[in-house]
Amino acid sequence: GAEARNILGNIRTQAAAYYLETGALNAPAPGFTTAVAGIGAGMIPGPAAANCAASHYFWYNVAVSANTLTATATRCLANGKIPQGATASTAILTSNFATGVDTWTGTGGY
């Protein structure tokens, strides 16, 4: 769970900077995306389970509205760092930049 919380926290920091610069996460187009967060080929794994990397325990994805970031880490079941998870548990960080409220949810005790 430490990897997930660390990376989700870093994604939140990037999103906060984007929000402060532009005034919204999804405008101007294309907005704060998975690629902007550094998720994808050659970066942290995501946004699908098939992209699990031997250097990570989780794969990652982001979703945004104008003011809210939802960043999700999902435990790798295969092709990820050993030991791999028995279930695709999640850690989810939801940050509302308009209210300044961060909420952690998820499954599997993360």
Protein backbone atom coordinates (compact mmCIF):
# COMPACT_ATOMS: atom_id res chain seq x y z
CA GLY A 1 0.00 0.00 0.00
CA ALA A 2 2.93 2.40 0.55
CA GLU A 3 3.74 2.51 -3.17
CA ALA A 4 0.12 3.33 -4.03
CA ARG A 5 -0.21 6.09 -1.43
CA ASN A 6 3.10 7.65 -2.46
CA ILE A 7 2.31 7.68 -6.18
CA LEU A 8 -1.29 8.82 -5.67
CA GLY A 9 0.02 11.64 -3.47
CA ASN A 10 2.44 12.66 -6.22
CA ILE A 11 -0.39 12.62 -8.78
CA ARG A 12 -2.44 14.83 -6.43
CA THR A 13 0.45 17.29 -6.17
CA GLN A 14 0.69 17.48 -9.98
CA ALA A 15 -3.08 17.93 -10.29
CA ALA A 16 -3.06 20.70 -7.67
CA ALA A 17 -0.38 22.57 -9.63
CA TYR A 18 -2.39 22.11 -12.85
CA TYR A 19 -5.55 23.36 -11.10
CA LEU A 20 -3.79 26.43 -9.71
CA GLU A 21 -2.36 27.26 -13.14
CA THR A 22 -5.51 26.73 -15.23
CA GLY A 23 -8.39 27.11 -12.74
CA ALA A 24 -9.84 23.71 -13.64
CA LEU A 25 -8.72 20.13 -14.17
CA ASN A 26 -10.63 19.50 -17.40
CA ALA A 27 -10.21 22.86 -19.11
CA PRO A 28 -8.61 24.10 -21.23
CA ALA A 29 -8.64 20.93 -23.29
CA PRO A 30 -7.32 18.33 -22.94
CA GLY A 31 -7.10 18.93 -19.20
CA PHE A 32 -5.35 16.85 -16.55
CA THR A 33 -5.13 13.37 -18.06
CA THR A 34 -3.50 10.06 -17.25
CA ALA A 35 -0.66 10.99 -19.61
CA VAL A 36 -0.17 14.38 -17.94
CA ALA A 37 0.06 12.53 -14.60
CA GLY A 38 2.94 10.45 -15.95
CA ILE A 39 0.96 7.25 -16.33
CA GLY A 40 1.55 5.12 -19.39
CA ALA A 41 4.23 3.61 -21.59
CA GLY A 42 7.67 4.11 -20.10
CA MET A 43 6.22 5.73 -16.96
CA ILE A 44 4.25 4.37 -13.99
CA PRO A 45 1.99 1.52 -15.17
CA GLY A 46 -1.53 2.14 -16.31
CA PRO A 47 -4.28 2.61 -17.18
CA ALA A 48 -5.08 -1.11 -17.51
CA ALA A 49 -4.13 -4.28 -15.65
CA ALA A 50 -2.30 -5.53 -18.74
CA ASN A 51 0.22 -2.73 -18.20
CA CYS A 52 1.46 -3.95 -14.81
CA ALA A 53 5.24 -3.61 -14.65
CA ALA A 54 7.79 -5.76 -12.82
CA SER A 55 8.87 -2.61 -10.95
CA HIS A 56 5.43 -1.79 -9.46
CA TYR A 57 2.79 -3.46 -7.28
CA PHE A 58 -0.08 -1.39 -8.76
CA TRP A 59 -1.36 0.10 -12.01
CA TYR A 60 -2.83 3.62 -12.01
CA ASN A 61 -5.54 5.74 -13.56
CA VAL A 62 -6.98 9.24 -13.15
CA ALA A 63 -10.40 10.75 -13.80
CA VAL A 64 -11.30 14.42 -13.45
CA SER A 65 -14.15 16.88 -13.41
CA ALA A 66 -13.66 20.65 -13.32
CA ASN A 67 -12.63 20.64 -9.64
CA THR A 68 -12.19 17.02 -8.62
CA LEU A 69 -9.44 14.45 -9.17
CA THR A 70 -10.08 10.75 -8.63
CA ALA A 71 -6.79 8.83 -8.77
CA THR A 72 -6.97 5.05 -8.47
CA ALA A 73 -4.27 2.45 -7.80
CA THR A 74 -5.28 -1.15 -8.53
CA ARG A 75 -3.19 -4.08 -7.24
CA CYS A 76 -1.44 -6.08 -9.96
CA LEU A 77 -2.46 -9.73 -10.14
CA ALA A 78 0.12 -10.71 -12.74
CA ASN A 79 3.21 -9.23 -14.41
CA GLY A 80 3.75 -6.89 -11.45
CA LYS A 81 6.39 -6.80 -8.75
CA ILE A 82 6.59 -9.92 -6.57
CA PRO A 83 4.66 -10.68 -4.38
CA GLN A 84 1.64 -10.09 -6.55
CA GLY A 85 -1.81 -9.53 -5.12
CA ALA A 86 -4.41 -12.25 -4.69
CA THR A 87 -7.21 -9.80 -5.55
CA ALA A 88 -7.32 -6.55 -7.52
CA SER A 89 -7.63 -4.38 -4.38
CA THR A 90 -7.69 -0.61 -4.82
CA ALA A 91 -6.53 2.58 -3.16
CA ILE A 92 -8.47 5.65 -4.30
CA LEU A 93 -7.64 9.29 -3.59
CA THR A 94 -10.39 11.79 -4.35
CA SER A 95 -9.33 15.44 -4.13
CA ASN A 96 -11.81 18.31 -4.47
CA PHE A 97 -9.68 21.37 -5.14
CA ALA A 98 -12.64 23.75 -4.83
CA THR A 99 -13.23 22.72 -1.21
CA GLY A 100 -9.71 21.56 -0.34
CA VAL A 101 -10.94 18.14 0.83
CA ASP A 102 -9.01 14.90 0.19
CA THR A 103 -10.69 11.53 0.76
CA TRP A 104 -9.03 8.09 0.80
CA THR A 105 -11.16 5.03 -0.01
CA GLY A 106 -10.54 1.63 -1.53
CA THR A 107 -10.54 -2.08 -0.83
CA GLY A 108 -8.06 -4.49 0.68
CA GLY A 109 -6.94 -2.25 3.54
CA TYR A 110 -4.97 0.20 1.41
